[in-house]
Amino acid sequence: MKEIAVVRIYIREGDHSDGRDLMGRIFAILHDQHKVHGVTVFRGIAGFGAHGETHAADLLHITAHLPLIVEFFDAPEVVDAALAELQGLIPAGHTVRWSALCL
């Protein structure tokens, strides 16, 4: 068993940072620069945030602002370095991190 750090980042489709797609920027940093062990992006079918605005996918209201969860894991020092670079791109309070064991 090996100790790892797991991170979830909560954003929305269509979120941008400096005029570029935020999910794409996060993915590129994790994949190309830090080569983290694993990254998965989940697309939610519904969600709401701190402001209570609901975003949902249904046949009557197709939206491009559905929730996205970017989840990744690696050794704690790799995660620390990646999070340091992602800081400033991701809104405060949208990142969760915990320790786990990789079996």
PDB file of N, CA and C in Angstrom:
ATOM      1  N   MET A   1       0.843  -1.187   0.000  1.00  0.00           N
ATOM      2  CA  MET A   1       0.000   0.000   0.000  1.00  0.00           C
ATOM      3  C   MET A   1       0.885   1.247   0.000  1.00  0.00           C
ATOM      4  N   LYS A   2       0.386   2.273  -0.653  1.00  0.00           N
ATOM      5  CA  LYS A   2       1.123   3.524  -0.786  1.00  0.00           C
ATOM      6  C   LYS A   2       0.187   4.677  -0.445  1.00  0.00           C
ATOM      7  N   GLU A   3       0.665   5.637   0.337  1.00  0.00           N
ATOM      8  CA  GLU A   3      -0.151   6.802   0.663  1.00  0.00           C
ATOM      9  C   GLU A   3      -0.167   7.763  -0.525  1.00  0.00           C
ATOM     10  N   ILE A   4      -1.378   8.231  -0.846  1.00  0.00           N
ATOM     11  CA  ILE A   4      -1.562   9.180  -1.942  1.00  0.00           C
ATOM     12  C   ILE A   4      -2.425  10.332  -1.452  1.00  0.00           C
ATOM     13  N   ALA A   5      -2.494  11.361  -2.260  1.00  0.00           N
ATOM     14  CA  ALA A   5      -3.425  12.469  -2.042  1.00  0.00           C
ATOM     15  C   ALA A   5      -4.413  12.474  -3.207  1.00  0.00           C
ATOM     16  N   VAL A   6      -5.684  12.695  -2.888  1.00  0.00           N
ATOM     17  CA  VAL A   6      -6.754  12.752  -3.880  1.00  0.00           C
ATOM     18  C   VAL A   6      -7.340  14.155  -3.846  1.00  0.00           C
ATOM     19  N   VAL A   7      -7.616  14.710  -5.020  1.00  0.00           N
ATOM     20  CA  VAL A   7      -8.143  16.073  -5.115  1.00  0.00           C
ATOM     21  C   VAL A   7      -9.364  16.073  -6.026  1.00  0.00           C
ATOM     22  N   ARG A   8     -10.373  16.835  -5.632  1.00  0.00           N
ATOM     23  CA  ARG A   8     -11.526  17.123  -6.489  1.00  0.00           C
ATOM     24  C   ARG A   8     -11.625  18.622  -6.670  1.00  0.00           C
ATOM     25  N   ILE A   9     -11.797  19.024  -7.914  1.00  0.00           N
ATOM     26  CA  ILE A   9     -11.969  20.434  -8.261  1.00  0.00           C
ATOM     27  C   ILE A   9     -13.349  20.579  -8.885  1.00  0.00           C
ATOM     28  N   TYR A  10     -14.141  21.487  -8.343  1.00  0.00           N
ATOM     29  CA  TYR A  10     -15.510  21.712  -8.807  1.00  0.00           C
ATOM     30  C   TYR A  10     -15.563  22.989  -9.649  1.00  0.00           C
ATOM     31  N   ILE A  11     -15.912  22.815 -10.926  1.00  0.00           N
ATOM     32  CA  ILE A  11     -16.051  23.951 -11.841  1.00  0.00           C
ATOM     33  C   ILE A  11     -17.307  23.706 -12.677  1.00  0.00           C
ATOM     34  N   ARG A  12     -17.511  24.548 -13.698  1.00  0.00           N
ATOM     35  CA  ARG A  12     -18.640  24.379 -14.619  1.00  0.00           C
ATOM     36  C   ARG A  12     -18.131  24.374 -16.047  1.00  0.00           C
ATOM     37  N   GLU A  13     -18.879  23.710 -16.904  1.00  0.00           N
ATOM     38  CA  GLU A  13     -18.595  23.806 -18.329  1.00  0.00           C
ATOM     39  C   GLU A  13     -18.640  25.275 -18.713  1.00  0.00           C
ATOM     40  N   GLY A  14     -17.775  25.668 -19.576  1.00  0.00           N
ATOM     41  CA  GLY A  14     -17.786  27.043 -20.041  1.00  0.00           C
ATOM     42  C   GLY A  14     -17.023  28.006 -19.155  1.00  0.00           C
ATOM     43  N   ASP A  15     -16.546  27.565 -17.980  1.00  0.00           N
ATOM     44  CA  ASP A  15     -15.715  28.441 -17.151  1.00  0.00           C
ATOM     45  C   ASP A  15     -14.408  28.723 -17.878  1.00  0.00           C
ATOM     46  N   HIS A  16     -13.946  29.958 -17.757  1.00  0.00           N
ATOM     47  CA  HIS A  16     -12.719  30.378 -18.428  1.00  0.00           C
ATOM     48  C   HIS A  16     -11.747  30.999 -17.440  1.00  0.00           C
ATOM     49  N   SER A  17     -10.491  30.974 -17.814  1.00  0.00           N
ATOM     50  CA  SER A  17      -9.428  31.646 -17.076  1.00  0.00           C
ATOM     51  C   SER A  17      -8.537  32.313 -18.107  1.00  0.00           C
ATOM     52  N   ASP A  18      -8.420  33.611 -18.026  1.00  0.00           N
ATOM     53  CA  ASP A  18      -7.641  34.386 -19.002  1.00  0.00           C
ATOM     54  C   ASP A  18      -8.098  34.112 -20.434  1.00  0.00           C
ATOM     55  N   GLY A  19      -9.423  33.961 -20.610  1.00  0.00           N
ATOM     56  CA  GLY A  19      -9.982  33.772 -21.942  1.00  0.00           C
ATOM     57  C   GLY A  19      -9.841  32.368 -22.497  1.00  0.00           C
ATOM     58  N   ARG A  20      -9.315  31.439 -21.709  1.00  0.00           N
ATOM     59  CA  ARG A  20      -9.140  30.057 -22.175  1.00  0.00           C
ATOM     60  C   ARG A  20     -10.004  29.112 -21.349  1.00  0.00           C
ATOM     61  N   ASP A  21     -10.381  27.995 -21.933  1.00  0.00           N
ATOM     62  CA  ASP A  21     -11.202  26.983 -21.278  1.00  0.00           C
ATOM     63  C   ASP A  21     -10.525  26.498 -19.997  1.00  0.00           C
ATOM     64  N   LEU A  22     -11.201  26.668 -18.855  1.00  0.00           N
ATOM     65  CA  LEU A  22     -10.608  26.332 -17.562  1.00  0.00           C
ATOM     66  C   LEU A  22     -10.346  24.837 -17.422  1.00  0.00           C
ATOM     67  N   MET A  23     -11.304  24.003 -17.806  1.00  0.00           N
ATOM     68  CA  MET A  23     -11.086  22.560 -17.685  1.00  0.00           C
ATOM     69  C   MET A  23      -9.895  22.118 -18.520  1.00  0.00           C
ATOM     70  N   GLY A  24      -9.786  22.633 -19.716  1.00  0.00           N
ATOM     71  CA  GLY A  24      -8.651  22.295 -20.577  1.00  0.00           C
ATOM     72  C   GLY A  24      -7.324  22.726 -19.991  1.00  0.00           C
ATOM     73  N   ARG A  25      -7.299  23.900 -19.385  1.00  0.00           N
ATOM     74  CA  ARG A  25      -6.065  24.383 -18.742  1.00  0.00           C
ATOM     75  C   ARG A  25      -5.676  23.509 -17.564  1.00  0.00           C
ATOM     76  N   ILE A  26      -6.670  23.162 -16.727  1.00  0.00           N
ATOM     77  CA  ILE A  26      -6.395  22.292 -15.580  1.00  0.00           C
ATOM     78  C   ILE A  26      -5.873  20.947 -16.068  1.00  0.00           C
ATOM     79  N   PHE A  27      -6.555  20.367 -17.041  1.00  0.00           N
ATOM     80  CA  PHE A  27      -6.163  19.067 -17.573  1.00  0.00           C
ATOM     81  C   PHE A  27      -4.739  19.107 -18.129  1.00  0.00           C
ATOM     82  N   ALA A  28      -4.415  20.146 -18.882  1.00  0.00           N
ATOM     83  CA  ALA A  28      -3.066  20.260 -19.462  1.00  0.00           C
ATOM     84  C   ALA A  28      -1.999  20.383 -18.381  1.00  0.00           C
ATOM     85  N   ILE A  29      -2.269  21.169 -17.349  1.00  0.00           N
ATOM     86  CA  ILE A  29      -1.293  21.317 -16.262  1.00  0.00           C
ATOM     87  C   ILE A  29      -1.067  19.978 -15.572  1.00  0.00           C
ATOM     88  N   LEU A  30      -2.147  19.261 -15.289  1.00  0.00           N
ATOM     89  CA  LEU A  30      -2.024  17.972 -14.599  1.00  0.00           C
ATOM     90  C   LEU A  30      -1.363  16.914 -15.471  1.00  0.00           C
ATOM     91  N   HIS A  31      -1.709  16.884 -16.748  1.00  0.00           N
ATOM     92  CA  HIS A  31      -1.193  15.862 -17.657  1.00  0.00           C
ATOM     93  C   HIS A  31       0.202  16.195 -18.182  1.00  0.00           C
ATOM     94  N   ASP A  32       0.348  17.369 -18.751  1.00  0.00           N
ATOM     95  CA  ASP A  32       1.588  17.715 -19.454  1.00  0.00           C
ATOM     96  C   ASP A  32       2.714  18.152 -18.525  1.00  0.00           C
ATOM     97  N   GLN A  33       2.381  18.954 -17.514  1.00  0.00           N
ATOM     98  CA  GLN A  33       3.433  19.527 -16.675  1.00  0.00           C
ATOM     99  C   GLN A  33       3.752  18.676 -15.454  1.00  0.00           C
ATOM    100  N   HIS A  34       2.718  18.108 -14.803  1.00  0.00           N
ATOM    101  CA  HIS A  34       2.961  17.376 -13.560  1.00  0.00           C
ATOM    102  C   HIS A  34       2.833  15.865 -13.718  1.00  0.00           C
ATOM    103  N   LYS A  35       2.303  15.426 -14.852  1.00  0.00           N
ATOM    104  CA  LYS A  35       2.184  14.004 -15.157  1.00  0.00           C
ATOM    105  C   LYS A  35       1.619  13.206 -13.972  1.00  0.00           C
ATOM    106  N   VAL A  36       0.519  13.724 -13.424  1.00  0.00           N
ATOM    107  CA  VAL A  36      -0.086  13.056 -12.271  1.00  0.00           C
ATOM    108  C   VAL A  36      -0.529  11.656 -12.670  1.00  0.00           C
ATOM    109  N   HIS A  37      -0.631  10.800 -11.677  1.00  0.00           N
ATOM    110  CA  HIS A  37      -0.888   9.376 -11.909  1.00  0.00           C
ATOM    111  C   HIS A  37      -2.236   9.118 -12.578  1.00  0.00           C
ATOM    112  N   GLY A  38      -3.249   9.855 -12.197  1.00  0.00           N
ATOM    113  CA  GLY A  38      -4.563   9.638 -12.791  1.00  0.00           C
ATOM    114  C   GLY A  38      -5.430  10.869 -12.708  1.00  0.00           C
ATOM    115  N   VAL A  39      -6.164  11.145 -13.786  1.00  0.00           N
ATOM    116  CA  VAL A  39      -7.096  12.279 -13.840  1.00  0.00           C
ATOM    117  C   VAL A  39      -8.387  11.793 -14.490  1.00  0.00           C
ATOM    118  N   THR A  40      -9.514  12.152 -13.894  1.00  0.00           N
ATOM    119  CA  THR A  40     -10.818  11.866 -14.482  1.00  0.00           C
ATOM    120  C   THR A  40     -11.662  13.125 -14.388  1.00  0.00           C
ATOM    121  N   VAL A  41     -12.389  13.426 -15.444  1.00  0.00           N
ATOM    122  CA  VAL A  41     -13.322  14.550 -15.435  1.00  0.00           C
ATOM    123  C   VAL A  41     -14.733  13.968 -15.511  1.00  0.00           C
ATOM    124  N   PHE A  42     -15.551  14.315 -14.515  1.00  0.00           N
ATOM    125  CA  PHE A  42     -16.942  13.880 -14.457  1.00  0.00           C
ATOM    126  C   PHE A  42     -17.833  15.051 -14.862  1.00  0.00           C
ATOM    127  N   ARG A  43     -18.828  14.782 -15.685  1.00  0.00           N
ATOM    128  CA  ARG A  43     -19.798  15.802 -16.088  1.00  0.00           C
ATOM    129  C   ARG A  43     -21.105  15.515 -15.362  1.00  0.00           C
ATOM    130  N   GLY A  44     -21.521  16.455 -14.550  1.00  0.00           N
ATOM    131  CA  GLY A  44     -22.758  16.283 -13.793  1.00  0.00           C
ATOM    132  C   GLY A  44     -23.975  16.555 -14.640  1.00  0.00           C
ATOM    133  N   ILE A  45     -25.096  15.976 -14.229  1.00  0.00           N
ATOM    134  CA  ILE A  45     -26.349  16.241 -14.939  1.00  0.00           C
ATOM    135  C   ILE A  45     -27.148  17.339 -14.250  1.00  0.00           C
ATOM    136  N   ALA A  46     -26.757  17.678 -13.009  1.00  0.00           N
ATOM    137  CA  ALA A  46     -27.407  18.762 -12.297  1.00  0.00           C
ATOM    138  C   ALA A  46     -26.531  19.183 -11.130  1.00  0.00           C
ATOM    139  N   GLY A  47     -26.686  20.423 -10.711  1.00  0.00           N
ATOM    140  CA  GLY A  47     -25.962  20.903  -9.555  1.00  0.00           C
ATOM    141  C   GLY A  47     -26.279  22.359  -9.275  1.00  0.00           C
ATOM    142  N   PHE A  48     -25.863  22.814  -8.086  1.00  0.00           N
ATOM    143  CA  PHE A  48     -25.957  24.233  -7.752  1.00  0.00           C
ATOM    144  C   PHE A  48     -24.811  24.557  -6.822  1.00  0.00           C
ATOM    145  N   GLY A  49     -24.440  25.820  -6.793  1.00  0.00           N
ATOM    146  CA  GLY A  49     -23.323  26.260  -5.978  1.00  0.00           C
ATOM    147  C   GLY A  49     -23.763  27.210  -4.889  1.00  0.00           C
ATOM    148  N   ALA A  50     -22.827  28.012  -4.421  1.00  0.00           N
ATOM    149  CA  ALA A  50     -23.044  28.913  -3.291  1.00  0.00           C
ATOM    150  C   ALA A  50     -24.173  29.915  -3.547  1.00  0.00           C
ATOM    151  N   HIS A  51     -24.369  30.294  -4.804  1.00  0.00           N
ATOM    152  CA  HIS A  51     -25.407  31.281  -5.122  1.00  0.00           C
ATOM    153  C   HIS A  51     -26.778  30.641  -5.309  1.00  0.00           C
ATOM    154  N   GLY A  52     -26.849  29.306  -5.269  1.00  0.00           N
ATOM    155  CA  GLY A  52     -28.117  28.604  -5.373  1.00  0.00           C
ATOM    156  C   GLY A  52     -28.674  28.489  -6.775  1.00  0.00           C
ATOM    157  N   GLU A  53     -27.941  28.951  -7.777  1.00  0.00           N
ATOM    158  CA  GLU A  53     -28.413  28.860  -9.154  1.00  0.00           C
ATOM    159  C   GLU A  53     -28.278  27.419  -9.631  1.00  0.00           C
ATOM    160  N   THR A  54     -29.396  26.835 -10.069  1.00  0.00           N
ATOM    161  CA  THR A  54     -29.411  25.443 -10.504  1.00  0.00           C
ATOM    162  C   THR A  54     -28.994  25.344 -11.960  1.00  0.00           C
ATOM    163  N   HIS A  55     -28.146  24.386 -12.240  1.00  0.00           N
ATOM    164  CA  HIS A  55     -27.735  24.058 -13.605  1.00  0.00           C
ATOM    165  C   HIS A  55     -28.095  22.602 -13.821  1.00  0.00           C
ATOM    166  N   ALA A  56     -28.908  22.325 -14.842  1.00  0.00           N
ATOM    167  CA  ALA A  56     -29.363  20.959 -15.064  1.00  0.00           C
ATOM    168  C   ALA A  56     -29.496  20.678 -16.550  1.00  0.00           C
ATOM    169  N   ALA A  57     -29.347  19.404 -16.880  1.00  0.00           N
ATOM    170  CA  ALA A  57     -29.527  18.956 -18.258  1.00  0.00           C
ATOM    171  C   ALA A  57     -30.862  18.237 -18.349  1.00  0.00           C
ATOM    172  N   ASP A  58     -31.733  18.749 -19.188  1.00  0.00           N
ATOM    173  CA  ASP A  58     -32.979  18.054 -19.499  1.00  0.00           C
ATOM    174  C   ASP A  58     -33.352  18.404 -20.929  1.00  0.00           C
ATOM    175  N   LEU A  59     -34.373  17.775 -21.426  1.00  0.00           N
ATOM    176  CA  LEU A  59     -34.734  17.977 -22.830  1.00  0.00           C
ATOM    177  C   LEU A  59     -35.220  19.392 -23.119  1.00  0.00           C
ATOM    178  N   LEU A  60     -35.761  20.077 -22.109  1.00  0.00           N
ATOM    179  CA  LEU A  60     -36.293  21.414 -22.337  1.00  0.00           C
ATOM    180  C   LEU A  60     -35.242  22.503 -22.161  1.00  0.00           C
ATOM    181  N   HIS A  61     -34.234  22.240 -21.345  1.00  0.00           N
ATOM    182  CA  HIS A  61     -33.244  23.269 -21.030  1.00  0.00           C
ATOM    183  C   HIS A  61     -31.836  22.715 -21.200  1.00  0.00           C
ATOM    184  N   ILE A  62     -31.368  22.721 -22.418  1.00  0.00           N
ATOM    185  CA  ILE A  62     -29.997  22.276 -22.662  1.00  0.00           C
ATOM    186  C   ILE A  62     -29.077  23.450 -22.306  1.00  0.00           C
ATOM    187  N   THR A  63     -28.102  23.188 -21.453  1.00  0.00           N
ATOM    188  CA  THR A  63     -27.214  24.248 -21.000  1.00  0.00           C
ATOM    189  C   THR A  63     -25.764  23.845 -21.192  1.00  0.00           C
ATOM    190  N   ALA A  64     -24.920  24.812 -21.373  1.00  0.00           N
ATOM    191  CA  ALA A  64     -23.479  24.554 -21.503  1.00  0.00           C
ATOM    192  C   ALA A  64     -22.770  24.865 -20.195  1.00  0.00           C
ATOM    193  N   HIS A  65     -23.503  24.972 -19.113  1.00  0.00           N
ATOM    194  CA  HIS A  65     -22.890  25.325 -17.829  1.00  0.00           C
ATOM    195  C   HIS A  65     -23.142  24.249 -16.777  1.00  0.00           C
ATOM    196  N   LEU A  66     -23.074  22.992 -17.195  1.00  0.00           N
ATOM    197  CA  LEU A  66     -23.262  21.893 -16.258  1.00  0.00           C
ATOM    198  C   LEU A  66     -22.032  21.760 -15.359  1.00  0.00           C
ATOM    199  N   PRO A  67     -22.218  21.170 -14.175  1.00  0.00           N
ATOM    200  CA  PRO A  67     -21.079  21.013 -13.275  1.00  0.00           C
ATOM    201  C   PRO A  67     -20.063  20.008 -13.814  1.00  0.00           C
ATOM    202  N   LEU A  68     -18.794  20.296 -13.568  1.00  0.00           N
ATOM    203  CA  LEU A  68     -17.698  19.385 -13.882  1.00  0.00           C
ATOM    204  C   LEU A  68     -16.913  19.136 -12.600  1.00  0.00           C
ATOM    205  N   ILE A  69     -16.474  17.902 -12.420  1.00  0.00           N
ATOM    206  CA  ILE A  69     -15.576  17.566 -11.324  1.00  0.00           C
ATOM    207  C   ILE A  69     -14.311  17.006 -11.949  1.00  0.00           C
ATOM    208  N   VAL A  70     -13.186  17.652 -11.670  1.00  0.00           N
ATOM    209  CA  VAL A  70     -11.884  17.158 -12.100  1.00  0.00           C
ATOM    210  C   VAL A  70     -11.273  16.483 -10.881  1.00  0.00           C
ATOM    211  N   GLU A  71     -11.053  15.176 -10.978  1.00  0.00           N
ATOM    212  CA  GLU A  71     -10.497  14.429  -9.851  1.00  0.00           C
ATOM    213  C   GLU A  71      -9.150  13.853 -10.263  1.00  0.00           C
ATOM    214  N   PHE A  72      -8.161  13.981  -9.371  1.00  0.00           N
ATOM    215  CA  PHE A  72      -6.858  13.405  -9.661  1.00  0.00           C
ATOM    216  C   PHE A  72      -6.195  12.924  -8.393  1.00  0.00           C
ATOM    217  N   PHE A  73      -5.182  12.075  -8.568  1.00  0.00           N
ATOM    218  CA  PHE A  73      -4.443  11.564  -7.416  1.00  0.00           C
ATOM    219  C   PHE A  73      -3.003  11.297  -7.794  1.00  0.00           C
ATOM    220  N   ASP A  74      -2.142  11.332  -6.788  1.00  0.00           N
ATOM    221  CA  ASP A  74      -0.728  11.011  -6.954  1.00  0.00           C
ATOM    222  C   ASP A  74      -0.082  11.083  -5.580  1.00  0.00           C
ATOM    223  N   ALA A  75       1.224  10.970  -5.559  1.00  0.00           N
ATOM    224  CA  ALA A  75       1.969  11.117  -4.312  1.00  0.00           C
ATOM    225  C   ALA A  75       1.726  12.533  -3.770  1.00  0.00           C
ATOM    226  N   PRO A  76       1.690  12.696  -2.448  1.00  0.00           N
ATOM    227  CA  PRO A  76       1.398  14.013  -1.865  1.00  0.00           C
ATOM    228  C   PRO A  76       2.280  15.141  -2.399  1.00  0.00           C
ATOM    229  N   GLU A  77       3.557  14.888  -2.640  1.00  0.00           N
ATOM    230  CA  GLU A  77       4.441  15.959  -3.127  1.00  0.00           C
ATOM    231  C   GLU A  77       4.110  16.367  -4.560  1.00  0.00           C
ATOM    232  N   VAL A  78       3.646  15.435  -5.384  1.00  0.00           N
ATOM    233  CA  VAL A  78       3.231  15.758  -6.758  1.00  0.00           C
ATOM    234  C   VAL A  78       1.940  16.576  -6.713  1.00  0.00           C
ATOM    235  N   VAL A  79       1.025  16.179  -5.861  1.00  0.00           N
ATOM    236  CA  VAL A  79      -0.242  16.903  -5.706  1.00  0.00           C
ATOM    237  C   VAL A  79       0.024  18.314  -5.194  1.00  0.00           C
ATOM    238  N   ASP A  80       0.930  18.453  -4.217  1.00  0.00           N
ATOM    239  CA  ASP A  80       1.273  19.788  -3.695  1.00  0.00           C
ATOM    240  C   ASP A  80       1.776  20.701  -4.805  1.00  0.00           C
ATOM    241  N   ALA A  81       2.668  20.182  -5.644  1.00  0.00           N
ATOM    242  CA  ALA A  81       3.231  20.986  -6.737  1.00  0.00           C
ATOM    243  C   ALA A  81       2.152  21.368  -7.744  1.00  0.00           C
ATOM    244  N   ALA A  82       1.275  20.423  -8.078  1.00  0.00           N
ATOM    245  CA  ALA A  82       0.200  20.708  -9.033  1.00  0.00           C
ATOM    246  C   ALA A  82      -0.765  21.750  -8.477  1.00  0.00           C
ATOM    247  N   LEU A  83      -1.141  21.596  -7.208  1.00  0.00           N
ATOM    248  CA  LEU A  83      -2.067  22.561  -6.606  1.00  0.00           C
ATOM    249  C   LEU A  83      -1.463  23.955  -6.519  1.00  0.00           C
ATOM    250  N   ALA A  84      -0.172  24.033  -6.271  1.00  0.00           N
ATOM    251  CA  ALA A  84       0.493  25.339  -6.226  1.00  0.00           C
ATOM    252  C   ALA A  84       0.375  26.040  -7.578  1.00  0.00           C
ATOM    253  N   GLU A  85       0.502  25.286  -8.661  1.00  0.00           N
ATOM    254  CA  GLU A  85       0.393  25.882  -9.995  1.00  0.00           C
ATOM    255  C   GLU A  85      -1.059  26.210 -10.356  1.00  0.00           C
ATOM    256  N   LEU A  86      -1.995  25.414  -9.864  1.00  0.00           N
ATOM    257  CA  LEU A  86      -3.410  25.643 -10.168  1.00  0.00           C
ATOM    258  C   LEU A  86      -4.007  26.786  -9.357  1.00  0.00           C
ATOM    259  N   GLN A  87      -3.351  27.133  -8.250  1.00  0.00           N
ATOM    260  CA  GLN A  87      -3.858  28.209  -7.401  1.00  0.00           C
ATOM    261  C   GLN A  87      -3.967  29.488  -8.229  1.00  0.00           C
ATOM    262  N   GLY A  88      -5.055  30.173  -8.107  1.00  0.00           N
ATOM    263  CA  GLY A  88      -5.284  31.372  -8.904  1.00  0.00           C
ATOM    264  C   GLY A  88      -6.165  31.101 -10.115  1.00  0.00           C
ATOM    265  N   LEU A  89      -6.135  29.869 -10.635  1.00  0.00           N
ATOM    266  CA  LEU A  89      -7.019  29.500 -11.739  1.00  0.00           C
ATOM    267  C   LEU A  89      -8.388  29.081 -11.221  1.00  0.00           C
ATOM    268  N   ILE A  90      -8.394  28.413 -10.068  1.00  0.00           N
ATOM    269  CA  ILE A  90      -9.601  27.819  -9.519  1.00  0.00           C
ATOM    270  C   ILE A  90     -10.165  28.733  -8.430  1.00  0.00           C
ATOM    271  N   PRO A  91     -11.450  29.020  -8.466  1.00  0.00           N
ATOM    272  CA  PRO A  91     -12.027  29.878  -7.429  1.00  0.00           C
ATOM    273  C   PRO A  91     -11.829  29.279  -6.026  1.00  0.00           C
ATOM    274  N   ALA A  92     -11.665  30.142  -5.054  1.00  0.00           N
ATOM    275  CA  ALA A  92     -11.496  29.701  -3.661  1.00  0.00           C
ATOM    276  C   ALA A  92     -12.696  28.866  -3.227  1.00  0.00           C
ATOM    277  N   GLY A  93     -12.431  27.810  -2.477  1.00  0.00           N
ATOM    278  CA  GLY A  93     -13.490  26.964  -1.966  1.00  0.00           C
ATOM    279  C   GLY A  93     -14.005  25.919  -2.937  1.00  0.00           C
ATOM    280  N   HIS A  94     -13.361  25.782  -4.098  1.00  0.00           N
ATOM    281  CA  HIS A  94     -13.811  24.825  -5.107  1.00  0.00           C
ATOM    282  C   HIS A  94     -12.903  23.602  -5.197  1.00  0.00           C
ATOM    283  N   THR A  95     -11.992  23.450  -4.247  1.00  0.00           N
ATOM    284  CA  THR A  95     -11.051  22.329  -4.261  1.00  0.00           C
ATOM    285  C   THR A  95     -11.127  21.591  -2.938  1.00  0.00           C
ATOM    286  N   VAL A  96     -11.181  20.260  -3.024  1.00  0.00           N
ATOM    287  CA  VAL A  96     -11.205  19.403  -1.845  1.00  0.00           C
ATOM    288  C   VAL A  96     -10.055  18.413  -1.989  1.00  0.00           C
ATOM    289  N   ARG A  97      -9.358  18.160  -0.868  1.00  0.00           N
ATOM    290  CA  ARG A  97      -8.219  17.245  -0.891  1.00  0.00           C
ATOM    291  C   ARG A  97      -8.296  16.328   0.318  1.00  0.00           C
ATOM    292  N   TRP A  98      -7.919  15.064   0.123  1.00  0.00           N
ATOM    293  CA  TRP A  98      -7.848  14.131   1.244  1.00  0.00           C
ATOM    294  C   TRP A  98      -6.766  13.088   0.983  1.00  0.00           C
ATOM    295  N   SER A  99      -6.353  12.423   2.039  1.00  0.00           N
ATOM    296  CA  SER A  99      -5.360  11.353   1.948  1.00  0.00           C
ATOM    297  C   SER A  99      -6.072  10.027   1.764  1.00  0.00           C
ATOM    298  N   ALA A 100      -5.411   9.119   1.044  1.00  0.00           N
ATOM    299  CA  ALA A 100      -5.965   7.786   0.821  1.00  0.00           C
ATOM    300  C   ALA A 100      -4.813   6.800   0.666  1.00  0.00           C
ATOM    301  N   LEU A 101      -5.162   5.532   0.620  1.00  0.00           N
ATOM    302  CA  LEU A 101      -4.174   4.494   0.384  1.00  0.00           C
ATOM    303  C   LEU A 101      -4.428   3.875  -0.988  1.00  0.00           C
ATOM    304  N   CYS A 102      -3.378   3.754  -1.778  1.00  0.00           N
ATOM    305  CA  CYS A 102      -3.467   3.115  -3.083  1.00  0.00           C
ATOM    306  C   CYS A 102      -3.112   1.647  -2.885  1.00  0.00           C
ATOM    307  N   LEU A 103      -4.007   0.773  -3.248  1.00  0.00           N
ATOM    308  CA  LEU A 103      -3.806  -0.664  -3.010  1.00  0.00           C
ATOM    309  C   LEU A 103      -3.203  -1.347  -4.215  1.00  0.00           C
TER     310      LEU A 103
END
